[in-house]
N, C-alpha and C. Protein backbone atom coordinates (compact mmCIF):
# COMPACT_ATOMS: atom_id res chain seq x y z
N MET A 1 0.84 -1.17 0.00
CA MET A 1 0.00 0.00 0.00
C MET A 1 0.89 1.24 0.00
N ARG A 2 0.46 2.24 -0.73
CA ARG A 2 1.23 3.48 -0.84
C ARG A 2 0.75 4.47 0.23
N LEU A 3 1.68 5.15 0.87
CA LEU A 3 1.36 6.15 1.89
C LEU A 3 1.63 7.54 1.34
N THR A 4 0.68 8.45 1.55
CA THR A 4 0.89 9.86 1.23
C THR A 4 0.75 10.64 2.54
N TYR A 5 1.35 11.82 2.58
CA TYR A 5 1.44 12.58 3.82
C TYR A 5 0.94 14.01 3.63
N SER A 6 0.15 14.49 4.58
CA SER A 6 -0.25 15.90 4.56
C SER A 6 0.89 16.75 5.12
N LYS A 7 0.86 18.03 4.82
CA LYS A 7 1.88 18.95 5.35
C LYS A 7 1.80 19.03 6.87
N VAL A 8 0.58 19.01 7.39
CA VAL A 8 0.37 19.05 8.84
C VAL A 8 1.01 17.83 9.49
N PHE A 9 0.79 16.65 8.92
CA PHE A 9 1.37 15.43 9.47
C PHE A 9 2.89 15.53 9.52
N LEU A 10 3.51 15.92 8.41
CA LEU A 10 4.97 16.00 8.36
C LEU A 10 5.53 17.03 9.32
N LYS A 11 4.85 18.17 9.45
CA LYS A 11 5.32 19.22 10.36
C LYS A 11 5.25 18.75 11.82
N ARG A 12 4.11 18.16 12.19
CA ARG A 12 3.96 17.70 13.58
C ARG A 12 4.87 16.52 13.90
N LEU A 13 5.06 15.62 12.94
CA LEU A 13 5.96 14.49 13.15
C LEU A 13 7.38 14.98 13.43
N SER A 14 7.82 15.99 12.69
CA SER A 14 9.18 16.51 12.86
C SER A 14 9.39 17.14 14.24
N LYS A 15 8.31 17.56 14.89
CA LYS A 15 8.43 18.20 16.21
C LYS A 15 8.34 17.21 17.37
N LEU A 16 8.02 15.95 17.08
CA LEU A 16 7.92 14.94 18.13
C LEU A 16 9.31 14.47 18.56
N PRO A 17 9.43 13.90 19.77
CA PRO A 17 10.71 13.35 20.21
C PRO A 17 11.22 12.28 19.23
N VAL A 18 12.51 12.16 19.13
CA VAL A 18 13.14 11.21 18.19
C VAL A 18 12.65 9.79 18.45
N SER A 19 12.49 9.41 19.70
CA SER A 19 12.03 8.05 20.01
C SER A 19 10.64 7.79 19.43
N VAL A 20 9.77 8.79 19.47
CA VAL A 20 8.42 8.66 18.92
C VAL A 20 8.49 8.62 17.39
N GLN A 21 9.37 9.41 16.81
CA GLN A 21 9.54 9.40 15.36
C GLN A 21 10.00 8.02 14.88
N GLU A 22 10.93 7.42 15.61
CA GLU A 22 11.42 6.09 15.23
C GLU A 22 10.33 5.04 15.37
N LYS A 23 9.56 5.10 16.43
CA LYS A 23 8.45 4.17 16.62
C LYS A 23 7.41 4.34 15.51
N THR A 24 7.15 5.59 15.15
CA THR A 24 6.20 5.89 14.08
C THR A 24 6.66 5.29 12.76
N ASP A 25 7.95 5.39 12.46
CA ASP A 25 8.49 4.81 11.22
C ASP A 25 8.18 3.32 11.13
N GLY A 26 8.39 2.61 12.23
CA GLY A 26 8.11 1.18 12.25
C GLY A 26 6.64 0.88 12.07
N LEU A 27 5.79 1.68 12.71
CA LEU A 27 4.35 1.46 12.59
C LEU A 27 3.83 1.82 11.19
N LEU A 28 4.46 2.80 10.55
CA LEU A 28 4.07 3.14 9.18
C LEU A 28 4.41 2.01 8.22
N LEU A 29 5.49 1.30 8.49
CA LEU A 29 5.80 0.11 7.68
C LEU A 29 4.70 -0.94 7.84
N LEU A 30 4.26 -1.16 9.06
CA LEU A 30 3.15 -2.09 9.29
C LEU A 30 1.88 -1.62 8.59
N LEU A 31 1.61 -0.32 8.66
CA LEU A 31 0.42 0.24 8.03
C LEU A 31 0.45 0.03 6.51
N SER A 32 1.64 0.15 5.93
CA SER A 32 1.74 -0.01 4.47
C SER A 32 1.50 -1.45 4.03
N VAL A 33 1.66 -2.39 4.97
CA VAL A 33 1.43 -3.81 4.66
C VAL A 33 -0.01 -4.21 5.00
N ASP A 34 -0.49 -3.79 6.18
CA ASP A 34 -1.82 -4.20 6.64
C ASP A 34 -2.38 -3.13 7.58
N ILE A 35 -3.42 -2.41 7.14
CA ILE A 35 -3.96 -1.33 7.97
C ILE A 35 -4.64 -1.84 9.23
N ARG A 36 -4.90 -3.12 9.30
CA ARG A 36 -5.55 -3.71 10.48
C ARG A 36 -4.58 -4.56 11.32
N HIS A 37 -3.29 -4.34 11.15
CA HIS A 37 -2.30 -5.10 11.94
C HIS A 37 -2.59 -4.89 13.42
N PRO A 38 -2.54 -5.96 14.22
CA PRO A 38 -2.88 -5.85 15.65
C PRO A 38 -2.04 -4.85 16.44
N LEU A 39 -0.80 -4.63 16.06
CA LEU A 39 0.03 -3.67 16.80
C LEU A 39 -0.40 -2.22 16.59
N LEU A 40 -1.18 -1.97 15.54
CA LEU A 40 -1.62 -0.61 15.27
C LEU A 40 -2.85 -0.20 16.08
N HIS A 41 -3.67 -1.17 16.48
CA HIS A 41 -4.92 -0.87 17.18
C HIS A 41 -5.77 0.12 16.37
N THR A 42 -5.94 -0.17 15.10
CA THR A 42 -6.67 0.71 14.19
C THR A 42 -8.15 0.80 14.57
N LYS A 43 -8.65 2.02 14.58
CA LYS A 43 -10.06 2.28 14.90
C LYS A 43 -10.63 3.26 13.88
N ARG A 44 -11.88 3.04 13.52
CA ARG A 44 -12.60 4.01 12.69
C ARG A 44 -13.13 5.10 13.62
N LEU A 45 -12.97 6.37 13.23
CA LEU A 45 -13.46 7.46 14.05
C LEU A 45 -14.96 7.61 13.89
N ARG A 46 -15.65 7.72 14.98
CA ARG A 46 -17.11 7.80 14.96
C ARG A 46 -17.62 9.11 14.34
N THR A 47 -16.89 10.18 14.55
CA THR A 47 -17.34 11.48 14.07
C THR A 47 -17.18 11.65 12.56
N MET A 48 -16.22 10.96 11.97
CA MET A 48 -15.96 11.07 10.54
C MET A 48 -15.80 9.66 9.98
N ASP A 49 -16.73 9.25 9.15
CA ASP A 49 -16.74 7.88 8.65
C ASP A 49 -15.52 7.52 7.81
N ASP A 50 -14.91 8.50 7.17
CA ASP A 50 -13.80 8.17 6.29
C ASP A 50 -12.43 8.30 6.97
N LEU A 51 -12.41 8.58 8.26
CA LEU A 51 -11.15 8.73 8.99
C LEU A 51 -10.94 7.57 9.96
N TYR A 52 -9.67 7.20 10.11
CA TYR A 52 -9.26 6.13 11.02
C TYR A 52 -8.10 6.65 11.85
N SER A 53 -7.83 5.96 12.96
CA SER A 53 -6.65 6.31 13.77
C SER A 53 -5.93 5.03 14.17
N PHE A 54 -4.63 5.18 14.45
CA PHE A 54 -3.89 4.09 15.07
C PHE A 54 -3.00 4.66 16.17
N ARG A 55 -2.68 3.81 17.11
CA ARG A 55 -1.89 4.20 18.28
C ARG A 55 -0.40 4.22 17.97
N ILE A 56 0.27 5.18 18.58
CA ILE A 56 1.73 5.21 18.60
C ILE A 56 2.08 5.23 20.08
N GLY A 57 2.26 4.06 20.65
CA GLY A 57 2.44 3.95 22.09
C GLY A 57 1.16 4.37 22.79
N ARG A 58 1.29 4.86 24.02
CA ARG A 58 0.12 5.31 24.77
C ARG A 58 -0.12 6.81 24.60
N ASP A 59 0.87 7.52 24.12
CA ASP A 59 0.81 8.98 24.15
C ASP A 59 0.47 9.67 22.84
N TYR A 60 0.42 8.97 21.72
CA TYR A 60 0.18 9.63 20.44
C TYR A 60 -0.76 8.81 19.58
N ARG A 61 -1.45 9.52 18.67
CA ARG A 61 -2.34 8.89 17.71
C ARG A 61 -2.04 9.48 16.33
N CYS A 62 -2.27 8.67 15.32
CA CYS A 62 -2.13 9.10 13.95
C CYS A 62 -3.49 8.96 13.27
N ILE A 63 -3.93 10.00 12.58
CA ILE A 63 -5.19 9.99 11.85
C ILE A 63 -4.87 9.77 10.37
N PHE A 64 -5.63 8.88 9.74
CA PHE A 64 -5.42 8.65 8.31
C PHE A 64 -6.72 8.40 7.60
N ARG A 65 -6.66 8.52 6.28
CA ARG A 65 -7.83 8.33 5.42
C ARG A 65 -7.45 7.32 4.34
N ILE A 66 -8.34 6.39 4.06
CA ILE A 66 -8.11 5.43 2.99
C ILE A 66 -8.66 6.05 1.71
N LEU A 67 -7.78 6.37 0.77
CA LEU A 67 -8.20 7.01 -0.47
C LEU A 67 -8.74 6.01 -1.48
N ASP A 68 -8.06 4.89 -1.61
CA ASP A 68 -8.51 3.80 -2.49
C ASP A 68 -7.86 2.51 -2.01
N THR A 69 -7.99 1.45 -2.76
CA THR A 69 -7.48 0.15 -2.31
C THR A 69 -5.97 0.11 -2.19
N GLU A 70 -5.28 1.06 -2.79
CA GLU A 70 -3.82 1.06 -2.77
C GLU A 70 -3.19 2.27 -2.09
N THR A 71 -3.99 3.21 -1.59
CA THR A 71 -3.43 4.46 -1.06
C THR A 71 -4.04 4.84 0.28
N VAL A 72 -3.16 5.16 1.23
CA VAL A 72 -3.56 5.69 2.54
C VAL A 72 -2.93 7.07 2.69
N HIS A 73 -3.74 8.05 3.09
CA HIS A 73 -3.26 9.42 3.28
C HIS A 73 -3.20 9.71 4.77
N LEU A 74 -2.00 10.04 5.26
CA LEU A 74 -1.80 10.36 6.68
C LEU A 74 -2.13 11.83 6.88
N VAL A 75 -3.09 12.09 7.76
CA VAL A 75 -3.65 13.42 7.92
C VAL A 75 -3.00 14.19 9.06
N ASP A 76 -2.83 13.55 10.23
CA ASP A 76 -2.35 14.26 11.41
C ASP A 76 -1.75 13.29 12.41
N ILE A 77 -0.94 13.81 13.32
CA ILE A 77 -0.34 13.03 14.39
C ILE A 77 -0.19 13.95 15.60
N ALA A 78 -0.65 13.49 16.76
CA ALA A 78 -0.57 14.32 17.97
C ALA A 78 -1.01 13.49 19.18
N HIS A 79 -0.97 14.13 20.33
CA HIS A 79 -1.49 13.54 21.56
C HIS A 79 -3.00 13.43 21.43
N PRO A 80 -3.61 12.37 21.98
CA PRO A 80 -5.07 12.19 21.85
C PRO A 80 -5.91 13.39 22.30
N LYS A 81 -5.49 14.10 23.35
CA LYS A 81 -6.27 15.25 23.81
C LYS A 81 -6.28 16.38 22.78
N ASP A 82 -5.28 16.41 21.92
CA ASP A 82 -5.20 17.45 20.89
C ASP A 82 -5.78 16.99 19.56
N ILE A 83 -5.59 15.73 19.23
CA ILE A 83 -5.93 15.27 17.89
C ILE A 83 -7.42 15.08 17.69
N TYR A 84 -8.16 14.78 18.74
CA TYR A 84 -9.58 14.50 18.58
C TYR A 84 -10.46 15.74 18.74
N ARG A 85 -9.85 16.90 18.88
CA ARG A 85 -10.62 18.14 18.94
C ARG A 85 -11.10 18.49 17.54
N GLY A 86 -12.32 18.92 17.42
CA GLY A 86 -12.93 19.26 16.14
C GLY A 86 -12.41 20.52 15.61
């Protein structure tokens, strides 16, 4: 599966601690193979039917959108208290 990135995602990822960035890289590899991999804890967001999230440890979440059968667009990454605000 091909991954595309929003500007917001890339900007916020660059500001995270290096350890979180490294963990995110590994999880993005899993996402590119299987969006429902158990280590991702993928969930569909109730407020937006076309958005999903996966966990990055206990402290961060990544929001993404499935564009088609071969493409996932990464929308945002942040702490849960910040990312789920409308």
